[in-house]
């Protein structure tokens, strides 16, 4: 499998996941305090929303790469 076909499949899968889930979340460590034997951390949950047009665009570009890559 060549690089163009692999990139096309990655774009299609990423676009489908973006449409299915609408984004992703991650945990960000914001504050940390060390006072003697006492250790405290604050972790915040962050969410990144992926626009619908970005998911559809990734699927379309991946499909075009698959079609254009096969016509060599």
PDB file of N, CA and C in Angstrom:
ATOM      1  N   UNK A   1       0.851  -1.175   0.000  1.00  0.00           N
ATOM      2  CA  UNK A   1       0.000   0.000   0.000  1.00  0.00           C
ATOM      3  C   UNK A   1       0.896   1.237   0.000  1.00  0.00           C
ATOM      4  N   UNK A   2       0.690   2.099  -0.967  1.00  0.00           N
ATOM      5  CA  UNK A   2       1.531   3.294  -1.067  1.00  0.00           C
ATOM      6  C   UNK A   2       1.070   4.384  -0.102  1.00  0.00           C
ATOM      7  N   UNK A   3       1.862   5.439  -0.018  1.00  0.00           N
ATOM      8  CA  UNK A   3       1.599   6.505   0.945  1.00  0.00           C
ATOM      9  C   UNK A   3       0.312   7.260   0.690  1.00  0.00           C
ATOM     10  N   UNK A   4      -0.013   7.479  -0.594  1.00  0.00           N
ATOM     11  CA  UNK A   4      -1.218   8.230  -0.936  1.00  0.00           C
ATOM     12  C   UNK A   4      -2.482   7.473  -0.502  1.00  0.00           C
ATOM     13  N   UNK A   5      -2.493   6.171  -0.736  1.00  0.00           N
ATOM     14  CA  UNK A   5      -3.658   5.361  -0.339  1.00  0.00           C
ATOM     15  C   UNK A   5      -3.782   5.307   1.185  1.00  0.00           C
ATOM     16  N   UNK A   6      -2.644   5.205   1.877  1.00  0.00           N
ATOM     17  CA  UNK A   6      -2.661   5.171   3.345  1.00  0.00           C
ATOM     18  C   UNK A   6      -3.190   6.495   3.899  1.00  0.00           C
ATOM     19  N   UNK A   7      -2.744   7.622   3.341  1.00  0.00           N
ATOM     20  CA  UNK A   7      -3.218   8.934   3.762  1.00  0.00           C
ATOM     21  C   UNK A   7      -4.719   9.071   3.511  1.00  0.00           C
ATOM     22  N   UNK A   8      -5.174   8.565   2.368  1.00  0.00           N
ATOM     23  CA  UNK A   8      -6.598   8.625   2.048  1.00  0.00           C
ATOM     24  C   UNK A   8      -7.426   7.847   3.065  1.00  0.00           C
ATOM     25  N   UNK A   9      -6.978   6.670   3.440  1.00  0.00           N
ATOM     26  CA  UNK A   9      -7.717   5.870   4.421  1.00  0.00           C
ATOM     27  C   UNK A   9      -7.712   6.525   5.798  1.00  0.00           C
ATOM     28  N   UNK A  10      -6.593   7.135   6.182  1.00  0.00           N
ATOM     29  CA  UNK A  10      -6.522   7.831   7.471  1.00  0.00           C
ATOM     30  C   UNK A  10      -7.491   9.011   7.484  1.00  0.00           C
ATOM     31  N   UNK A  11      -7.547   9.771   6.381  1.00  0.00           N
ATOM     32  CA  UNK A  11      -8.471  10.903   6.306  1.00  0.00           C
ATOM     33  C   UNK A  11      -9.931  10.450   6.372  1.00  0.00           C
ATOM     34  N   UNK A  12     -10.242   9.373   5.696  1.00  0.00           N
ATOM     35  CA  UNK A  12     -11.625   8.872   5.715  1.00  0.00           C
ATOM     36  C   UNK A  12     -12.012   8.413   7.114  1.00  0.00           C
ATOM     37  N   UNK A  13     -11.140   7.682   7.763  1.00  0.00           N
ATOM     38  CA  UNK A  13     -11.437   7.195   9.125  1.00  0.00           C
ATOM     39  C   UNK A  13     -11.528   8.365  10.105  1.00  0.00           C
ATOM     40  N   UNK A  14     -10.604   9.328   9.991  1.00  0.00           N
ATOM     41  CA  UNK A  14     -10.636  10.489  10.895  1.00  0.00           C
ATOM     42  C   UNK A  14     -11.903  11.310  10.673  1.00  0.00           C
ATOM     43  N   UNK A  15     -12.322  11.480   9.429  1.00  0.00           N
ATOM     44  CA  UNK A  15     -13.549  12.207   9.135  1.00  0.00           C
ATOM     45  C   UNK A  15     -14.778  11.502   9.679  1.00  0.00           C
ATOM     46  N   UNK A  16     -14.814  10.185   9.542  1.00  0.00           N
ATOM     47  CA  UNK A  16     -15.943   9.428  10.071  1.00  0.00           C
ATOM     48  C   UNK A  16     -16.001   9.505  11.594  1.00  0.00           C
ATOM     49  N   UNK A  17     -14.846   9.424  12.235  1.00  0.00           N
ATOM     50  CA  UNK A  17     -14.817   9.545  13.700  1.00  0.00           C
ATOM     51  C   UNK A  17     -15.225  10.939  14.148  1.00  0.00           C
ATOM     52  N   UNK A  18     -14.812  11.960  13.397  1.00  0.00           N
ATOM     53  CA  UNK A  18     -15.187  13.333  13.739  1.00  0.00           C
ATOM     54  C   UNK A  18     -16.696  13.511  13.635  1.00  0.00           C
ATOM     55  N   UNK A  19     -17.316  12.912  12.629  1.00  0.00           N
ATOM     56  CA  UNK A  19     -18.766  13.011  12.494  1.00  0.00           C
ATOM     57  C   UNK A  19     -19.486  12.203  13.566  1.00  0.00           C
ATOM     58  N   UNK A  20     -18.936  11.059  13.915  1.00  0.00           N
ATOM     59  CA  UNK A  20     -19.595  10.190  14.894  1.00  0.00           C
ATOM     60  C   UNK A  20     -19.528  10.764  16.310  1.00  0.00           C
ATOM     61  N   UNK A  21     -18.365  11.273  16.708  1.00  0.00           N
ATOM     62  CA  UNK A  21     -18.181  11.733  18.082  1.00  0.00           C
ATOM     63  C   UNK A  21     -18.298  13.245  18.242  1.00  0.00           C
ATOM     64  N   UNK A  22     -18.074  14.008  17.198  1.00  0.00           N
ATOM     65  CA  UNK A  22     -18.202  15.450  17.274  1.00  0.00           C
ATOM     66  C   UNK A  22     -17.059  16.154  17.972  1.00  0.00           C
ATOM     67  N   UNK A  23     -16.041  15.437  18.384  1.00  0.00           N
ATOM     68  CA  UNK A  23     -14.903  16.040  19.052  1.00  0.00           C
ATOM     69  C   UNK A  23     -14.244  15.050  19.989  1.00  0.00           C
ATOM     70  N   UNK A  24     -13.334  15.566  20.812  1.00  0.00           N
ATOM     71  CA  UNK A  24     -12.655  14.706  21.781  1.00  0.00           C
ATOM     72  C   UNK A  24     -12.352  15.515  23.031  1.00  0.00           C
ATOM     73  N   UNK A  25     -12.085  14.824  24.106  1.00  0.00           N
ATOM     74  CA  UNK A  25     -11.773  15.504  25.361  1.00  0.00           C
ATOM     75  C   UNK A  25     -10.441  14.993  25.898  1.00  0.00           C
ATOM     76  N   UNK A  26      -9.799  15.842  26.685  1.00  0.00           N
ATOM     77  CA  UNK A  26      -8.543  15.482  27.308  1.00  0.00           C
ATOM     78  C   UNK A  26      -8.468  16.141  28.682  1.00  0.00           C
ATOM     79  N   UNK A  27      -7.575  15.638  29.521  1.00  0.00           N
ATOM     80  CA  UNK A  27      -7.415  16.164  30.869  1.00  0.00           C
ATOM     81  C   UNK A  27      -6.156  17.023  30.914  1.00  0.00           C
ATOM     82  N   UNK A  28      -6.313  18.228  31.464  1.00  0.00           N
ATOM     83  CA  UNK A  28      -5.206  19.180  31.541  1.00  0.00           C
ATOM     84  C   UNK A  28      -4.914  19.463  33.010  1.00  0.00           C
ATOM     85  N   UNK A  29      -3.664  19.277  33.383  1.00  0.00           N
ATOM     86  CA  UNK A  29      -3.245  19.562  34.751  1.00  0.00           C
ATOM     87  C   UNK A  29      -2.947  21.057  34.859  1.00  0.00           C
ATOM     88  N   UNK A  30      -3.672  21.745  35.739  1.00  0.00           N
ATOM     89  CA  UNK A  30      -3.558  23.196  35.779  1.00  0.00           C
ATOM     90  C   UNK A  30      -2.789  23.711  36.984  1.00  0.00           C
ATOM     91  N   UNK A  31      -3.004  23.146  38.149  1.00  0.00           N
ATOM     92  CA  UNK A  31      -2.351  23.657  39.360  1.00  0.00           C
ATOM     93  C   UNK A  31      -1.708  22.493  40.106  1.00  0.00           C
ATOM     94  N   UNK A  32      -0.563  22.784  40.691  1.00  0.00           N
ATOM     95  CA  UNK A  32       0.106  21.778  41.506  1.00  0.00           C
ATOM     96  C   UNK A  32       0.743  22.480  42.697  1.00  0.00           C
ATOM     97  N   UNK A  33       0.478  21.961  43.887  1.00  0.00           N
ATOM     98  CA  UNK A  33       1.001  22.553  45.116  1.00  0.00           C
ATOM     99  C   UNK A  33       1.703  21.459  45.919  1.00  0.00           C
ATOM    100  N   UNK A  34       2.931  21.721  46.323  1.00  0.00           N
ATOM    101  CA  UNK A  34       3.675  20.821  47.197  1.00  0.00           C
ATOM    102  C   UNK A  34       4.034  21.589  48.464  1.00  0.00           C
ATOM    103  N   UNK A  35       3.377  21.235  49.569  1.00  0.00           N
ATOM    104  CA  UNK A  35       3.649  21.867  50.856  1.00  0.00           C
ATOM    105  C   UNK A  35       4.040  20.760  51.816  1.00  0.00           C
ATOM    106  N   UNK A  36       5.342  20.617  52.007  1.00  0.00           N
ATOM    107  CA  UNK A  36       5.830  19.560  52.889  1.00  0.00           C
ATOM    108  C   UNK A  36       5.386  18.205  52.377  1.00  0.00           C
ATOM    109  N   UNK A  37       4.759  17.395  53.244  1.00  0.00           N
ATOM    110  CA  UNK A  37       4.321  16.073  52.809  1.00  0.00           C
ATOM    111  C   UNK A  37       2.975  16.108  52.054  1.00  0.00           C
ATOM    112  N   UNK A  38       2.389  17.276  51.933  1.00  0.00           N
ATOM    113  CA  UNK A  38       1.074  17.406  51.293  1.00  0.00           C
ATOM    114  C   UNK A  38       1.244  17.769  49.812  1.00  0.00           C
ATOM    115  N   UNK A  39       0.651  16.955  48.943  1.00  0.00           N
ATOM    116  CA  UNK A  39       0.721  17.180  47.503  1.00  0.00           C
ATOM    117  C   UNK A  39      -0.699  17.317  46.961  1.00  0.00           C
ATOM    118  N   UNK A  40      -0.953  18.405  46.227  1.00  0.00           N
ATOM    119  CA  UNK A  40      -2.288  18.635  45.662  1.00  0.00           C
ATOM    120  C   UNK A  40      -2.159  18.977  44.183  1.00  0.00           C
ATOM    121  N   UNK A  41      -3.069  18.417  43.381  1.00  0.00           N
ATOM    122  CA  UNK A  41      -3.112  18.706  41.954  1.00  0.00           C
ATOM    123  C   UNK A  41      -4.555  18.959  41.546  1.00  0.00           C
ATOM    124  N   UNK A  42      -4.741  19.851  40.598  1.00  0.00           N
ATOM    125  CA  UNK A  42      -6.059  20.114  40.045  1.00  0.00           C
ATOM    126  C   UNK A  42      -5.997  19.783  38.559  1.00  0.00           C
ATOM    127  N   UNK A  43      -6.892  18.917  38.124  1.00  0.00           N
ATOM    128  CA  UNK A  43      -6.954  18.527  36.717  1.00  0.00           C
ATOM    129  C   UNK A  43      -8.304  18.962  36.152  1.00  0.00           C
ATOM    130  N   UNK A  44      -8.268  19.621  35.008  1.00  0.00           N
ATOM    131  CA  UNK A  44      -9.490  20.083  34.354  1.00  0.00           C
ATOM    132  C   UNK A  44      -9.736  19.271  33.094  1.00  0.00           C
ATOM    133  N   UNK A  45     -10.978  18.932  32.863  1.00  0.00           N
ATOM    134  CA  UNK A  45     -11.368  18.221  31.647  1.00  0.00           C
ATOM    135  C   UNK A  45     -11.664  19.260  30.562  1.00  0.00           C
ATOM    136  N   UNK A  46     -10.955  19.180  29.437  1.00  0.00           N
ATOM    137  CA  UNK A  46     -11.136  20.088  28.314  1.00  0.00           C
ATOM    138  C   UNK A  46     -11.795  19.327  27.164  1.00  0.00           C
ATOM    139  N   UNK A  47     -12.623  20.015  26.387  1.00  0.00           N
ATOM    140  CA  UNK A  47     -13.283  19.392  25.230  1.00  0.00           C
ATOM    141  C   UNK A  47     -12.979  20.206  23.980  1.00  0.00           C
ATOM    142  N   UNK A  48     -12.607  19.505  22.917  1.00  0.00           N
ATOM    143  CA  UNK A  48     -12.348  20.123  21.618  1.00  0.00           C
ATOM    144  C   UNK A  48     -13.428  19.642  20.664  1.00  0.00           C
ATOM    145  N   UNK A  49     -14.219  20.568  20.147  1.00  0.00           N
ATOM    146  CA  UNK A  49     -15.279  20.228  19.201  1.00  0.00           C
ATOM    147  C   UNK A  49     -14.748  20.319  17.776  1.00  0.00           C
ATOM    148  N   UNK A  50     -15.043  19.288  16.987  1.00  0.00           N
ATOM    149  CA  UNK A  50     -14.650  19.265  15.581  1.00  0.00           C
ATOM    150  C   UNK A  50     -15.885  19.634  14.763  1.00  0.00           C
ATOM    151  N   UNK A  51     -15.787  20.669  13.920  1.00  0.00           N
ATOM    152  CA  UNK A  51     -16.945  21.080  13.123  1.00  0.00           C
ATOM    153  C   UNK A  51     -17.369  19.996  12.132  1.00  0.00           C
ATOM    154  N   UNK A  52     -18.645  19.983  11.823  1.00  0.00           N
ATOM    155  CA  UNK A  52     -19.176  18.993  10.887  1.00  0.00           C
ATOM    156  C   UNK A  52     -18.517  19.141   9.523  1.00  0.00           C
ATOM    157  N   UNK A  53     -18.295  20.397   9.096  1.00  0.00           N
ATOM    158  CA  UNK A  53     -17.703  20.604   7.771  1.00  0.00           C
ATOM    159  C   UNK A  53     -16.286  20.035   7.694  1.00  0.00           C
ATOM    160  N   UNK A  54     -15.566  19.999   8.800  1.00  0.00           N
ATOM    161  CA  UNK A  54     -14.213  19.438   8.787  1.00  0.00           C
ATOM    162  C   UNK A  54     -14.253  17.920   8.611  1.00  0.00           C
ATOM    163  N   UNK A  55     -15.212  17.262   9.252  1.00  0.00           N
ATOM    164  CA  UNK A  55     -15.355  15.813   9.085  1.00  0.00           C
ATOM    165  C   UNK A  55     -15.755  15.447   7.669  1.00  0.00           C
ATOM    166  N   UNK A  56     -16.712  16.181   7.121  1.00  0.00           N
ATOM    167  CA  UNK A  56     -17.153  15.915   5.752  1.00  0.00           C
ATOM    168  C   UNK A  56     -16.018  16.209   4.769  1.00  0.00           C
ATOM    169  N   UNK A  57     -15.284  17.297   5.004  1.00  0.00           N
ATOM    170  CA  UNK A  57     -14.163  17.648   4.133  1.00  0.00           C
ATOM    171  C   UNK A  57     -13.075  16.584   4.144  1.00  0.00           C
ATOM    172  N   UNK A  58     -12.775  16.034   5.318  1.00  0.00           N
ATOM    173  CA  UNK A  58     -11.751  14.989   5.408  1.00  0.00           C
ATOM    174  C   UNK A  58     -12.188  13.741   4.647  1.00  0.00           C
ATOM    175  N   UNK A  59     -13.461  13.388   4.747  1.00  0.00           N
ATOM    176  CA  UNK A  59     -13.960  12.220   4.012  1.00  0.00           C
ATOM    177  C   UNK A  59     -13.886  12.466   2.505  1.00  0.00           C
ATOM    178  N   UNK A  60     -14.275  13.665   2.057  1.00  0.00           N
ATOM    179  CA  UNK A  60     -14.241  13.980   0.623  1.00  0.00           C
ATOM    180  C   UNK A  60     -12.811  13.992   0.078  1.00  0.00           C
ATOM    181  N   UNK A  61     -11.898  14.615   0.804  1.00  0.00           N
ATOM    182  CA  UNK A  61     -10.501  14.652   0.351  1.00  0.00           C
ATOM    183  C   UNK A  61      -9.913  13.245   0.333  1.00  0.00           C
ATOM    184  N   UNK A  62     -10.216  12.440   1.341  1.00  0.00           N
ATOM    185  CA  UNK A  62      -9.738  11.054   1.356  1.00  0.00           C
ATOM    186  C   UNK A  62     -10.300  10.256   0.194  1.00  0.00           C
ATOM    187  N   UNK A  63     -11.578  10.455  -0.115  1.00  0.00           N
ATOM    188  CA  UNK A  63     -12.177   9.766  -1.264  1.00  0.00           C
ATOM    189  C   UNK A  63     -11.551  10.202  -2.575  1.00  0.00           C
ATOM    190  N   UNK A  64     -11.274  11.496  -2.711  1.00  0.00           N
ATOM    191  CA  UNK A  64     -10.624  11.979  -3.934  1.00  0.00           C
ATOM    192  C   UNK A  64      -9.207  11.422  -4.069  1.00  0.00           C
ATOM    193  N   UNK A  65      -8.485  11.316  -2.967  1.00  0.00           N
ATOM    194  CA  UNK A  65      -7.145  10.732  -3.018  1.00  0.00           C
ATOM    195  C   UNK A  65      -7.199   9.258  -3.406  1.00  0.00           C
ATOM    196  N   UNK A  66      -8.213   8.549  -2.917  1.00  0.00           N
ATOM    197  CA  UNK A  66      -8.340   7.132  -3.291  1.00  0.00           C
ATOM    198  C   UNK A  66      -8.635   6.987  -4.778  1.00  0.00           C
ATOM    199  N   UNK A  67      -9.539   7.813  -5.287  1.00  0.00           N
ATOM    200  CA  UNK A  67      -9.914   7.726  -6.703  1.00  0.00           C
ATOM    201  C   UNK A  67      -8.749   8.173  -7.587  1.00  0.00           C
ATOM    202  N   UNK A  68      -8.127   9.290  -7.239  1.00  0.00           N
ATOM    203  CA  UNK A  68      -7.028   9.823  -8.049  1.00  0.00           C
ATOM    204  C   UNK A  68      -5.785   8.932  -7.939  1.00  0.00           C
ATOM    205  N   UNK A  69      -5.586   8.304  -6.817  1.00  0.00           N
ATOM    206  CA  UNK A  69      -4.418   7.446  -6.638  1.00  0.00           C
ATOM    207  C   UNK A  69      -4.502   6.161  -7.435  1.00  0.00           C
ATOM    208  N   UNK A  70      -5.697   5.714  -7.763  1.00  0.00           N
ATOM    209  CA  UNK A  70      -5.854   4.457  -8.504  1.00  0.00           C
ATOM    210  C   UNK A  70      -5.725   4.621  -9.996  1.00  0.00           C
ATOM    211  N   UNK A  71      -5.676   5.817 -10.534  1.00  0.00           N
ATOM    212  CA  UNK A  71      -5.654   6.056 -11.977  1.00  0.00           C
ATOM    213  C   UNK A  71      -4.236   6.296 -12.500  1.00  0.00           C
ATOM    214  N   UNK A  72      -3.281   5.609 -11.996  1.00  0.00           N
ATOM    215  CA  UNK A  72      -1.894   5.763 -12.466  1.00  0.00           C
ATOM    216  C   UNK A  72      -1.627   4.861 -13.626  1.00  0.00           C
TER     217      UNK A  72
END
